[in-house]
């Protein structure tokens, strides 16, 4: 198990349907909370155009890029809507009992361009 988790926010900083951009150990991360309250961490760079995904919108379990409308699955990083065709990396997230949200910027769960 990785012990490279870094605390980045608290649950009260990120309401359902919201997204925050953060640099975690030199990695740009979009921290998103789906409408059911689940917390997800993806690369904060759209794979179609070099745009911050944290400027986009969360709907259901997707994150939509603000520039061209590409949509990415929060669980897998897979693009669900063109023009993006490449996935974005998804990173492990831990929410502690005290509401602290931590992200592992070193490990990717899915979406790596491989």
PDB file of N, CA and C in Angstrom:
ATOM      1  N   UNK A   1       0.832  -1.182   0.000  1.00  0.00           N
ATOM      2  CA  UNK A   1       0.000   0.000   0.000  1.00  0.00           C
ATOM      3  C   UNK A   1       0.875   1.244   0.000  1.00  0.00           C
ATOM      4  N   UNK A   2       0.499   2.201  -0.811  1.00  0.00           N
ATOM      5  CA  UNK A   2       1.270   3.426  -0.935  1.00  0.00           C
ATOM      6  C   UNK A   2       1.097   4.296   0.301  1.00  0.00           C
ATOM      7  N   UNK A   3       2.194   4.888   0.760  1.00  0.00           N
ATOM      8  CA  UNK A   3       2.090   5.822   1.870  1.00  0.00           C
ATOM      9  C   UNK A   3       2.454   7.227   1.392  1.00  0.00           C
ATOM     10  N   UNK A   4       2.203   7.500   0.130  1.00  0.00           N
ATOM     11  CA  UNK A   4       2.533   8.805  -0.438  1.00  0.00           C
ATOM     12  C   UNK A   4       1.308   9.717  -0.536  1.00  0.00           C
ATOM     13  N   UNK A   5       0.298   9.469   0.291  1.00  0.00           N
ATOM     14  CA  UNK A   5      -0.885  10.323   0.312  1.00  0.00           C
ATOM     15  C   UNK A   5      -0.530  11.695   0.895  1.00  0.00           C
ATOM     16  N   UNK A   6      -1.098  12.733   0.292  1.00  0.00           N
ATOM     17  CA  UNK A   6      -0.880  14.110   0.729  1.00  0.00           C
ATOM     18  C   UNK A   6      -2.244  14.744   1.000  1.00  0.00           C
ATOM     19  N   UNK A   7      -2.389  15.373   2.155  1.00  0.00           N
ATOM     20  CA  UNK A   7      -3.651  16.041   2.492  1.00  0.00           C
ATOM     21  C   UNK A   7      -3.803  17.266   1.599  1.00  0.00           C
ATOM     22  N   UNK A   8      -4.978  17.387   0.946  1.00  0.00           N
ATOM     23  CA  UNK A   8      -5.184  18.492   0.013  1.00  0.00           C
ATOM     24  C   UNK A   8      -6.393  19.364   0.350  1.00  0.00           C
ATOM     25  N   UNK A   9      -7.347  18.846   1.088  1.00  0.00           N
ATOM     26  CA  UNK A   9      -8.554  19.613   1.370  1.00  0.00           C
ATOM     27  C   UNK A   9      -9.330  18.930   2.485  1.00  0.00           C
ATOM     28  N   UNK A  10     -10.467  19.535   2.797  1.00  0.00           N
ATOM     29  CA  UNK A  10     -11.410  18.941   3.741  1.00  0.00           C
ATOM     30  C   UNK A  10     -12.742  18.801   3.029  1.00  0.00           C
ATOM     31  N   UNK A  11     -13.562  17.875   3.460  1.00  0.00           N
ATOM     32  CA  UNK A  11     -14.867  17.658   2.828  1.00  0.00           C
ATOM     33  C   UNK A  11     -15.692  18.938   2.743  1.00  0.00           C
ATOM     34  N   UNK A  12     -15.627  19.767   3.779  1.00  0.00           N
ATOM     35  CA  UNK A  12     -16.431  20.995   3.748  1.00  0.00           C
ATOM     36  C   UNK A  12     -15.922  22.002   2.709  1.00  0.00           C
ATOM     37  N   UNK A  13     -14.704  21.801   2.188  1.00  0.00           N
ATOM     38  CA  UNK A  13     -14.164  22.660   1.123  1.00  0.00           C
ATOM     39  C   UNK A  13     -14.701  22.276  -0.252  1.00  0.00           C
ATOM     40  N   UNK A  14     -15.323  21.117  -0.365  1.00  0.00           N
ATOM     41  CA  UNK A  14     -15.696  20.555  -1.658  1.00  0.00           C
ATOM     42  C   UNK A  14     -17.112  19.986  -1.572  1.00  0.00           C
ATOM     43  N   UNK A  15     -18.080  20.782  -1.966  1.00  0.00           N
ATOM     44  CA  UNK A  15     -19.464  20.329  -1.915  1.00  0.00           C
ATOM     45  C   UNK A  15     -19.787  19.391  -3.067  1.00  0.00           C
ATOM     46  N   UNK A  16     -20.878  18.638  -2.964  1.00  0.00           N
ATOM     47  CA  UNK A  16     -21.297  17.772  -4.070  1.00  0.00           C
ATOM     48  C   UNK A  16     -21.464  18.577  -5.358  1.00  0.00           C
ATOM     49  N   UNK A  17     -20.905  18.056  -6.448  1.00  0.00           N
ATOM     50  CA  UNK A  17     -20.966  18.720  -7.739  1.00  0.00           C
ATOM     51  C   UNK A  17     -19.891  19.779  -7.935  1.00  0.00           C
ATOM     52  N   UNK A  18     -18.946  19.882  -7.008  1.00  0.00           N
ATOM     53  CA  UNK A  18     -17.886  20.883  -7.113  1.00  0.00           C
ATOM     54  C   UNK A  18     -16.551  20.244  -7.463  1.00  0.00           C
ATOM     55  N   UNK A  19     -15.642  21.080  -7.975  1.00  0.00           N
ATOM     56  CA  UNK A  19     -14.295  20.638  -8.330  1.00  0.00           C
ATOM     57  C   UNK A  19     -13.298  21.710  -7.907  1.00  0.00           C
ATOM     58  N   UNK A  20     -12.162  21.264  -7.376  1.00  0.00           N
ATOM     59  CA  UNK A  20     -11.080  22.154  -6.955  1.00  0.00           C
ATOM     60  C   UNK A  20      -9.797  21.759  -7.667  1.00  0.00           C
ATOM     61  N   UNK A  21      -9.014  22.736  -8.056  1.00  0.00           N
ATOM     62  CA  UNK A  21      -7.690  22.466  -8.601  1.00  0.00           C
ATOM     63  C   UNK A  21      -6.663  22.583  -7.497  1.00  0.00           C
ATOM     64  N   UNK A  22      -5.659  21.696  -7.519  1.00  0.00           N
ATOM     65  CA  UNK A  22      -4.627  21.713  -6.495  1.00  0.00           C
ATOM     66  C   UNK A  22      -3.342  21.119  -7.069  1.00  0.00           C
ATOM     67  N   UNK A  23      -2.221  21.645  -6.625  1.00  0.00           N
ATOM     68  CA  UNK A  23      -0.943  21.026  -6.968  1.00  0.00           C
ATOM     69  C   UNK A  23      -0.549  20.153  -5.792  1.00  0.00           C
ATOM     70  N   UNK A  24      -0.323  18.880  -6.075  1.00  0.00           N
ATOM     71  CA  UNK A  24       0.005  17.910  -5.037  1.00  0.00           C
ATOM     72  C   UNK A  24       1.342  17.285  -5.392  1.00  0.00           C
ATOM     73  N   UNK A  25       2.370  17.635  -4.620  1.00  0.00           N
ATOM     74  CA  UNK A  25       3.716  17.123  -4.857  1.00  0.00           C
ATOM     75  C   UNK A  25       4.140  17.312  -6.319  1.00  0.00           C
ATOM     76  N   UNK A  26       3.843  18.494  -6.869  1.00  0.00           N
ATOM     77  CA  UNK A  26       4.240  18.812  -8.234  1.00  0.00           C
ATOM     78  C   UNK A  26       3.312  18.293  -9.319  1.00  0.00           C
ATOM     79  N   UNK A  27       2.224  17.625  -8.935  1.00  0.00           N
ATOM     80  CA  UNK A  27       1.262  17.080  -9.900  1.00  0.00           C
ATOM     81  C   UNK A  27      -0.017  17.907  -9.822  1.00  0.00           C
ATOM     82  N   UNK A  28      -0.482  18.398 -10.986  1.00  0.00           N
ATOM     83  CA  UNK A  28      -1.729  19.169 -11.018  1.00  0.00           C
ATOM     84  C   UNK A  28      -2.910  18.201 -10.935  1.00  0.00           C
ATOM     85  N   UNK A  29      -3.746  18.378  -9.909  1.00  0.00           N
ATOM     86  CA  UNK A  29      -4.862  17.475  -9.621  1.00  0.00           C
ATOM     87  C   UNK A  29      -6.177  18.255  -9.638  1.00  0.00           C
ATOM     88  N   UNK A  30      -7.200  17.671 -10.266  1.00  0.00           N
ATOM     89  CA  UNK A  30      -8.572  18.166 -10.163  1.00  0.00           C
ATOM     90  C   UNK A  30      -9.279  17.267  -9.160  1.00  0.00           C
ATOM     91  N   UNK A  31      -9.657  17.830  -8.042  1.00  0.00           N
ATOM     92  CA  UNK A  31     -10.343  17.094  -6.991  1.00  0.00           C
ATOM     93  C   UNK A  31     -11.834  17.361  -7.155  1.00  0.00           C
ATOM     94  N   UNK A  32     -12.597  16.318  -7.434  1.00  0.00           N
ATOM     95  CA  UNK A  32     -14.026  16.480  -7.743  1.00  0.00           C
ATOM     96  C   UNK A  32     -14.862  15.656  -6.780  1.00  0.00           C
ATOM     97  N   UNK A  33     -16.022  16.216  -6.445  1.00  0.00           N
ATOM     98  CA  UNK A  33     -16.980  15.486  -5.605  1.00  0.00           C
ATOM     99  C   UNK A  33     -18.233  15.275  -6.432  1.00  0.00           C
ATOM    100  N   UNK A  34     -18.575  14.008  -6.662  1.00  0.00           N
ATOM    101  CA  UNK A  34     -19.761  13.730  -7.471  1.00  0.00           C
ATOM    102  C   UNK A  34     -21.020  14.082  -6.688  1.00  0.00           C
ATOM    103  N   UNK A  35     -22.144  14.041  -7.374  1.00  0.00           N
ATOM    104  CA  UNK A  35     -23.399  14.482  -6.759  1.00  0.00           C
ATOM    105  C   UNK A  35     -23.880  13.555  -5.654  1.00  0.00           C
ATOM    106  N   UNK A  36     -23.296  12.344  -5.576  1.00  0.00           N
ATOM    107  CA  UNK A  36     -23.621  11.424  -4.486  1.00  0.00           C
ATOM    108  C   UNK A  36     -22.656  11.573  -3.309  1.00  0.00           C
ATOM    109  N   UNK A  37     -21.687  12.487  -3.431  1.00  0.00           N
ATOM    110  CA  UNK A  37     -20.749  12.744  -2.348  1.00  0.00           C
ATOM    111  C   UNK A  37     -19.416  12.047  -2.469  1.00  0.00           C
ATOM    112  N   UNK A  38     -19.222  11.189  -3.484  1.00  0.00           N
ATOM    113  CA  UNK A  38     -17.942  10.518  -3.678  1.00  0.00           C
ATOM    114  C   UNK A  38     -16.870  11.506  -4.111  1.00  0.00           C
ATOM    115  N   UNK A  39     -15.642  11.307  -3.627  1.00  0.00           N
ATOM    116  CA  UNK A  39     -14.535  12.207  -3.939  1.00  0.00           C
ATOM    117  C   UNK A  39     -13.570  11.503  -4.886  1.00  0.00           C
ATOM    118  N   UNK A  40     -13.139  12.232  -5.931  1.00  0.00           N
ATOM    119  CA  UNK A  40     -12.300  11.675  -6.987  1.00  0.00           C
ATOM    120  C   UNK A  40     -11.158  12.633  -7.297  1.00  0.00           C
ATOM    121  N   UNK A  41     -10.027  12.090  -7.749  1.00  0.00           N
ATOM    122  CA  UNK A  41      -8.879  12.912  -8.140  1.00  0.00           C
ATOM    123  C   UNK A  41      -8.413  12.490  -9.531  1.00  0.00           C
ATOM    124  N   UNK A  42      -8.387  13.461 -10.432  1.00  0.00           N
ATOM    125  CA  UNK A  42      -7.936  13.234 -11.805  1.00  0.00           C
ATOM    126  C   UNK A  42      -6.840  14.231 -12.115  1.00  0.00           C
ATOM    127  N   UNK A  43      -6.089  13.940 -13.175  1.00  0.00           N
ATOM    128  CA  UNK A  43      -5.156  14.932 -13.686  1.00  0.00           C
ATOM    129  C   UNK A  43      -5.940  16.195 -14.002  1.00  0.00           C
ATOM    130  N   UNK A  44      -5.366  17.349 -13.694  1.00  0.00           N
ATOM    131  CA  UNK A  44      -6.061  18.612 -13.930  1.00  0.00           C
ATOM    132  C   UNK A  44      -5.774  19.167 -15.325  1.00  0.00           C
ATOM    133  N   UNK A  45      -5.354  18.316 -16.244  1.00  0.00           N
ATOM    134  CA  UNK A  45      -5.058  18.759 -17.602  1.00  0.00           C
ATOM    135  C   UNK A  45      -5.889  17.934 -18.580  1.00  0.00           C
ATOM    136  N   UNK A  46      -6.754  18.603 -19.342  1.00  0.00           N
ATOM    137  CA  UNK A  46      -7.562  17.923 -20.354  1.00  0.00           C
ATOM    138  C   UNK A  46      -6.645  17.270 -21.369  1.00  0.00           C
ATOM    139  N   UNK A  47      -6.943  16.036 -21.740  1.00  0.00           N
ATOM    140  CA  UNK A  47      -6.102  15.312 -22.702  1.00  0.00           C
ATOM    141  C   UNK A  47      -6.304  15.791 -24.138  1.00  0.00           C
ATOM    142  N   UNK A  48      -7.311  16.596 -24.380  1.00  0.00           N
ATOM    143  CA  UNK A  48      -7.548  17.127 -25.720  1.00  0.00           C
ATOM    144  C   UNK A  48      -6.808  18.449 -25.936  1.00  0.00           C
ATOM    145  N   UNK A  49      -6.870  19.329 -24.947  1.00  0.00           N
ATOM    146  CA  UNK A  49      -6.281  20.655 -25.060  1.00  0.00           C
ATOM    147  C   UNK A  49      -5.757  21.001 -23.669  1.00  0.00           C
ATOM    148  N   UNK A  50      -4.655  21.647 -23.586  1.00  0.00           N
ATOM    149  CA  UNK A  50      -3.978  21.921 -22.319  1.00  0.00           C
ATOM    150  C   UNK A  50      -4.784  22.931 -21.488  1.00  0.00           C
ATOM    151  N   UNK A  51      -5.907  22.469 -20.939  1.00  0.00           N
ATOM    152  CA  UNK A  51      -6.831  23.301 -20.176  1.00  0.00           C
ATOM    153  C   UNK A  51      -7.060  22.645 -18.812  1.00  0.00           C
ATOM    154  N   UNK A  52      -7.208  23.462 -17.776  1.00  0.00           N
ATOM    155  CA  UNK A  52      -7.459  22.942 -16.428  1.00  0.00           C
ATOM    156  C   UNK A  52      -8.864  22.353 -16.333  1.00  0.00           C
ATOM    157  N   UNK A  53      -8.945  21.055 -16.039  1.00  0.00           N
ATOM    158  CA  UNK A  53     -10.250  20.429 -15.849  1.00  0.00           C
ATOM    159  C   UNK A  53     -10.955  20.969 -14.604  1.00  0.00           C
ATOM    160  N   UNK A  54     -10.183  21.507 -13.665  1.00  0.00           N
ATOM    161  CA  UNK A  54     -10.800  22.052 -12.451  1.00  0.00           C
ATOM    162  C   UNK A  54     -11.640  23.297 -12.738  1.00  0.00           C
ATOM    163  N   UNK A  55     -11.535  23.849 -13.944  1.00  0.00           N
ATOM    164  CA  UNK A  55     -12.390  24.964 -14.346  1.00  0.00           C
ATOM    165  C   UNK A  55     -13.709  24.468 -14.940  1.00  0.00           C
ATOM    166  N   UNK A  56     -13.860  23.149 -15.019  1.00  0.00           N
ATOM    167  CA  UNK A  56     -15.047  22.557 -15.629  1.00  0.00           C
ATOM    168  C   UNK A  56     -16.152  22.293 -14.622  1.00  0.00           C
ATOM    169  N   UNK A  57     -17.135  21.516 -15.074  1.00  0.00           N
ATOM    170  CA  UNK A  57     -18.321  21.222 -14.274  1.00  0.00           C
ATOM    171  C   UNK A  57     -18.459  19.728 -14.027  1.00  0.00           C
ATOM    172  N   UNK A  58     -18.926  19.397 -12.820  1.00  0.00           N
ATOM    173  CA  UNK A  58     -19.237  18.019 -12.462  1.00  0.00           C
ATOM    174  C   UNK A  58     -20.734  17.811 -12.640  1.00  0.00           C
ATOM    175  N   UNK A  59     -21.073  16.728 -13.351  1.00  0.00           N
ATOM    176  CA  UNK A  59     -22.472  16.341 -13.478  1.00  0.00           C
ATOM    177  C   UNK A  59     -22.526  14.832 -13.343  1.00  0.00           C
ATOM    178  N   UNK A  60     -23.274  14.373 -12.361  1.00  0.00           N
ATOM    179  CA  UNK A  60     -23.303  12.933 -12.102  1.00  0.00           C
ATOM    180  C   UNK A  60     -21.908  12.471 -11.723  1.00  0.00           C
ATOM    181  N   UNK A  61     -21.382  11.534 -12.495  1.00  0.00           N
ATOM    182  CA  UNK A  61     -20.026  11.017 -12.257  1.00  0.00           C
ATOM    183  C   UNK A  61     -19.104  11.376 -13.416  1.00  0.00           C
ATOM    184  N   UNK A  62     -19.319  12.578 -13.992  1.00  0.00           N
ATOM    185  CA  UNK A  62     -18.468  13.046 -15.079  1.00  0.00           C
ATOM    186  C   UNK A  62     -17.949  14.447 -14.776  1.00  0.00           C
ATOM    187  N   UNK A  63     -16.812  14.762 -15.373  1.00  0.00           N
ATOM    188  CA  UNK A  63     -16.220  16.089 -15.298  1.00  0.00           C
ATOM    189  C   UNK A  63     -16.106  16.610 -16.720  1.00  0.00           C
ATOM    190  N   UNK A  64     -16.712  17.769 -16.975  1.00  0.00           N
ATOM    191  CA  UNK A  64     -16.723  18.342 -18.318  1.00  0.00           C
ATOM    192  C   UNK A  64     -15.719  19.477 -18.421  1.00  0.00           C
ATOM    193  N   UNK A  65     -14.869  19.420 -19.436  1.00  0.00           N
ATOM    194  CA  UNK A  65     -13.898  20.466 -19.702  1.00  0.00           C
ATOM    195  C   UNK A  65     -14.626  21.733 -20.153  1.00  0.00           C
ATOM    196  N   UNK A  66     -14.193  22.869 -19.629  1.00  0.00           N
ATOM    197  CA  UNK A  66     -14.866  24.137 -19.919  1.00  0.00           C
ATOM    198  C   UNK A  66     -14.578  24.662 -21.326  1.00  0.00           C
ATOM    199  N   UNK A  67     -13.534  24.177 -21.979  1.00  0.00           N
ATOM    200  CA  UNK A  67     -13.167  24.772 -23.267  1.00  0.00           C
ATOM    201  C   UNK A  67     -13.918  24.183 -24.452  1.00  0.00           C
ATOM    202  N   UNK A  68     -13.866  22.856 -24.601  1.00  0.00           N
ATOM    203  CA  UNK A  68     -14.487  22.233 -25.774  1.00  0.00           C
ATOM    204  C   UNK A  68     -15.571  21.223 -25.426  1.00  0.00           C
ATOM    205  N   UNK A  69     -15.853  21.027 -24.132  1.00  0.00           N
ATOM    206  CA  UNK A  69     -16.950  20.155 -23.730  1.00  0.00           C
ATOM    207  C   UNK A  69     -16.626  18.684 -23.609  1.00  0.00           C
ATOM    208  N   UNK A  70     -15.337  18.319 -23.688  1.00  0.00           N
ATOM    209  CA  UNK A  70     -14.989  16.916 -23.447  1.00  0.00           C
ATOM    210  C   UNK A  70     -15.446  16.527 -22.052  1.00  0.00           C
ATOM    211  N   UNK A  71     -15.937  15.300 -21.912  1.00  0.00           N
ATOM    212  CA  UNK A  71     -16.373  14.810 -20.611  1.00  0.00           C
ATOM    213  C   UNK A  71     -15.553  13.580 -20.245  1.00  0.00           C
ATOM    214  N   UNK A  72     -15.185  13.497 -18.962  1.00  0.00           N
ATOM    215  CA  UNK A  72     -14.371  12.392 -18.465  1.00  0.00           C
ATOM    216  C   UNK A  72     -15.077  11.708 -17.310  1.00  0.00           C
ATOM    217  N   UNK A  73     -15.014  10.366 -17.303  1.00  0.00           N
ATOM    218  CA  UNK A  73     -15.558   9.566 -16.216  1.00  0.00           C
ATOM    219  C   UNK A  73     -14.692   9.787 -14.980  1.00  0.00           C
ATOM    220  N   UNK A  74     -15.297  10.156 -13.856  1.00  0.00           N
ATOM    221  CA  UNK A  74     -14.541  10.420 -12.638  1.00  0.00           C
ATOM    222  C   UNK A  74     -13.875   9.173 -12.068  1.00  0.00           C
ATOM    223  N   UNK A  75     -14.425   7.997 -12.337  1.00  0.00           N
ATOM    224  CA  UNK A  75     -13.866   6.756 -11.796  1.00  0.00           C
ATOM    225  C   UNK A  75     -12.708   6.210 -12.620  1.00  0.00           C
ATOM    226  N   UNK A  76     -12.786   6.381 -13.947  1.00  0.00           N
ATOM    227  CA  UNK A  76     -11.790   5.744 -14.823  1.00  0.00           C
ATOM    228  C   UNK A  76     -10.920   6.729 -15.588  1.00  0.00           C
ATOM    229  N   UNK A  77     -11.345   7.987 -15.677  1.00  0.00           N
ATOM    230  CA  UNK A  77     -10.617   8.964 -16.474  1.00  0.00           C
ATOM    231  C   UNK A  77     -10.883   8.855 -17.963  1.00  0.00           C
ATOM    232  N   UNK A  78     -11.710   7.875 -18.372  1.00  0.00           N
ATOM    233  CA  UNK A  78     -12.010   7.686 -19.802  1.00  0.00           C
ATOM    234  C   UNK A  78     -12.825   8.844 -20.343  1.00  0.00           C
ATOM    235  N   UNK A  79     -12.513   9.272 -21.570  1.00  0.00           N
ATOM    236  CA  UNK A  79     -13.330  10.307 -22.189  1.00  0.00           C
ATOM    237  C   UNK A  79     -14.674   9.722 -22.609  1.00  0.00           C
ATOM    238  N   UNK A  80     -15.741  10.461 -22.320  1.00  0.00           N
ATOM    239  CA  UNK A  80     -17.089  10.017 -22.649  1.00  0.00           C
ATOM    240  C   UNK A  80     -17.708  10.882 -23.736  1.00  0.00           C
ATOM    241  N   UNK A  81     -17.055  11.990 -24.047  1.00  0.00           N
ATOM    242  CA  UNK A  81     -17.577  12.942 -25.018  1.00  0.00           C
ATOM    243  C   UNK A  81     -16.404  13.550 -25.781  1.00  0.00           C
ATOM    244  N   UNK A  82     -16.507  13.569 -27.106  1.00  0.00           N
ATOM    245  CA  UNK A  82     -15.488  14.204 -27.937  1.00  0.00           C
ATOM    246  C   UNK A  82     -15.469  15.703 -27.645  1.00  0.00           C
ATOM    247  N   UNK A  83     -14.346  16.356 -27.895  1.00  0.00           N
ATOM    248  CA  UNK A  83     -13.270  15.946 -28.783  1.00  0.00           C
ATOM    249  C   UNK A  83     -12.163  15.117 -28.129  1.00  0.00           C
ATOM    250  N   UNK A  84     -12.127  14.964 -26.813  1.00  0.00           N
ATOM    251  CA  UNK A  84     -11.075  14.158 -26.185  1.00  0.00           C
ATOM    252  C   UNK A  84     -11.232  12.689 -26.564  1.00  0.00           C
ATOM    253  N   UNK A  85     -10.105  12.033 -26.841  1.00  0.00           N
ATOM    254  CA  UNK A  85     -10.117  10.606 -27.143  1.00  0.00           C
ATOM    255  C   UNK A  85      -9.168   9.833 -26.223  1.00  0.00           C
ATOM    256  N   UNK A  86      -8.300  10.534 -25.516  1.00  0.00           N
ATOM    257  CA  UNK A  86      -7.363   9.900 -24.582  1.00  0.00           C
ATOM    258  C   UNK A  86      -7.836  10.104 -23.146  1.00  0.00           C
ATOM    259  N   UNK A  87      -7.682   9.090 -22.304  1.00  0.00           N
ATOM    260  CA  UNK A  87      -8.070   9.229 -20.903  1.00  0.00           C
ATOM    261  C   UNK A  87      -7.107  10.141 -20.142  1.00  0.00           C
ATOM    262  N   UNK A  88      -7.540  10.585 -18.965  1.00  0.00           N
ATOM    263  CA  UNK A  88      -6.668  11.315 -18.046  1.00  0.00           C
ATOM    264  C   UNK A  88      -6.411  10.417 -16.839  1.00  0.00           C
ATOM    265  N   UNK A  89      -5.224  10.526 -16.229  1.00  0.00           N
ATOM    266  CA  UNK A  89      -4.925   9.704 -15.057  1.00  0.00           C
ATOM    267  C   UNK A  89      -5.868   9.990 -13.885  1.00  0.00           C
ATOM    268  N   UNK A  90      -6.214   8.931 -13.171  1.00  0.00           N
ATOM    269  CA  UNK A  90      -7.029   8.994 -11.961  1.00  0.00           C
ATOM    270  C   UNK A  90      -6.140   8.559 -10.802  1.00  0.00           C
ATOM    271  N   UNK A  91      -6.189   9.300  -9.698  1.00  0.00           N
ATOM    272  CA  UNK A  91      -5.324   9.025  -8.550  1.00  0.00           C
ATOM    273  C   UNK A  91      -6.139   8.559  -7.346  1.00  0.00           C
ATOM    274  N   UNK A  92      -5.534   7.723  -6.491  1.00  0.00           N
ATOM    275  CA  UNK A  92      -6.225   7.268  -5.283  1.00  0.00           C
ATOM    276  C   UNK A  92      -6.554   8.430  -4.351  1.00  0.00           C
ATOM    277  N   UNK A  93      -7.723   8.343  -3.723  1.00  0.00           N
ATOM    278  CA  UNK A  93      -8.194   9.351  -2.775  1.00  0.00           C
ATOM    279  C   UNK A  93      -8.542   8.646  -1.471  1.00  0.00           C
ATOM    280  N   UNK A  94      -8.223   9.319  -0.378  1.00  0.00           N
ATOM    281  CA  UNK A  94      -8.597   8.807   0.942  1.00  0.00           C
ATOM    282  C   UNK A  94      -9.312   9.926   1.688  1.00  0.00           C
ATOM    283  N   UNK A  95     -10.491   9.608   2.251  1.00  0.00           N
ATOM    284  CA  UNK A  95     -11.217  10.562   3.095  1.00  0.00           C
ATOM    285  C   UNK A  95     -11.197   9.995   4.506  1.00  0.00           C
ATOM    286  N   UNK A  96     -10.544  10.720   5.402  1.00  0.00           N
ATOM    287  CA  UNK A  96     -10.416  10.267   6.779  1.00  0.00           C
ATOM    288  C   UNK A  96     -11.654  10.629   7.595  1.00  0.00           C
ATOM    289  N   UNK A  97     -11.803   9.982   8.752  1.00  0.00           N
ATOM    290  CA  UNK A  97     -12.969  10.192   9.617  1.00  0.00           C
ATOM    291  C   UNK A  97     -13.131  11.654  10.022  1.00  0.00           C
ATOM    292  N   UNK A  98     -12.039  12.408  10.076  1.00  0.00           N
ATOM    293  CA  UNK A  98     -12.126  13.825  10.462  1.00  0.00           C
ATOM    294  C   UNK A  98     -12.474  14.734   9.285  1.00  0.00           C
ATOM    295  N   UNK A  99     -12.707  14.144   8.096  1.00  0.00           N
ATOM    296  CA  UNK A  99     -13.077  14.929   6.930  1.00  0.00           C
ATOM    297  C   UNK A  99     -11.920  15.371   6.059  1.00  0.00           C
ATOM    298  N   UNK A 100     -10.702  14.976   6.415  1.00  0.00           N
ATOM    299  CA  UNK A 100      -9.535  15.319   5.604  1.00  0.00           C
ATOM    300  C   UNK A 100      -9.533  14.493   4.324  1.00  0.00           C
ATOM    301  N   UNK A 101      -9.248  15.153   3.202  1.00  0.00           N
ATOM    302  CA  UNK A 101      -9.131  14.479   1.909  1.00  0.00           C
ATOM    303  C   UNK A 101      -7.660  14.444   1.530  1.00  0.00           C
ATOM    304  N   UNK A 102      -7.160  13.238   1.253  1.00  0.00           N
ATOM    305  CA  UNK A 102      -5.774  13.063   0.838  1.00  0.00           C
ATOM    306  C   UNK A 102      -5.736  12.373  -0.515  1.00  0.00           C
ATOM    307  N   UNK A 103      -4.719  12.712  -1.309  1.00  0.00           N
ATOM    308  CA  UNK A 103      -4.548  12.160  -2.649  1.00  0.00           C
ATOM    309  C   UNK A 103      -3.148  11.580  -2.757  1.00  0.00           C
ATOM    310  N   UNK A 104      -3.032  10.465  -3.474  1.00  0.00           N
ATOM    311  CA  UNK A 104      -1.725   9.879  -3.786  1.00  0.00           C
ATOM    312  C   UNK A 104      -1.344  10.331  -5.193  1.00  0.00           C
ATOM    313  N   UNK A 105      -0.465  11.344  -5.319  1.00  0.00           N
ATOM    314  CA  UNK A 105      -0.113  11.855  -6.646  1.00  0.00           C
ATOM    315  C   UNK A 105       0.863  10.953  -7.401  1.00  0.00           C
ATOM    316  N   UNK A 106       1.452   9.998  -6.700  1.00  0.00           N
ATOM    317  CA  UNK A 106       2.470   9.134  -7.302  1.00  0.00           C
ATOM    318  C   UNK A 106       1.847   8.002  -8.108  1.00  0.00           C
ATOM    319  N   UNK A 107       0.758   7.460  -7.603  1.00  0.00           N
ATOM    320  CA  UNK A 107       0.138   6.277  -8.198  1.00  0.00           C
ATOM    321  C   UNK A 107      -1.084   6.660  -9.007  1.00  0.00           C
ATOM    322  N   UNK A 108      -1.259   6.025 -10.149  1.00  0.00           N
ATOM    323  CA  UNK A 108      -2.461   6.196 -10.963  1.00  0.00           C
ATOM    324  C   UNK A 108      -3.262   4.910 -10.920  1.00  0.00           C
ATOM    325  N   UNK A 109      -4.568   5.037 -10.691  1.00  0.00           N
ATOM    326  CA  UNK A 109      -5.451   3.875 -10.670  1.00  0.00           C
ATOM    327  C   UNK A 109      -5.885   3.493 -12.065  1.00  0.00           C
ATOM    328  N   UNK A 110      -6.101   4.491 -12.897  1.00  0.00           N
ATOM    329  CA  UNK A 110      -6.614   4.262 -14.245  1.00  0.00           C
ATOM    330  C   UNK A 110      -6.336   5.499 -15.068  1.00  0.00           C
ATOM    331  N   UNK A 111      -6.545   5.343 -16.373  1.00  0.00           N
ATOM    332  CA  UNK A 111      -6.490   6.494 -17.251  1.00  0.00           C
ATOM    333  C   UNK A 111      -5.120   6.868 -17.749  1.00  0.00           C
ATOM    334  N   UNK A 112      -4.066   6.233 -17.250  1.00  0.00           N
ATOM    335  CA  UNK A 112      -2.728   6.593 -17.731  1.00  0.00           C
ATOM    336  C   UNK A 112      -2.612   6.303 -19.219  1.00  0.00           C
ATOM    337  N   UNK A 113      -1.916   7.165 -19.911  1.00  0.00           N
ATOM    338  CA  UNK A 113      -1.772   7.010 -21.358  1.00  0.00           C
ATOM    339  C   UNK A 113      -0.875   5.837 -21.724  1.00  0.00           C
ATOM    340  N   UNK A 114      -0.305   5.215 -20.774  1.00  0.00           N
ATOM    341  CA  UNK A 114       0.419   4.026 -20.909  1.00  0.00           C
ATOM    342  C   UNK A 114       1.446   3.853 -21.866  1.00  0.00           C
TER     343      UNK A 114
END
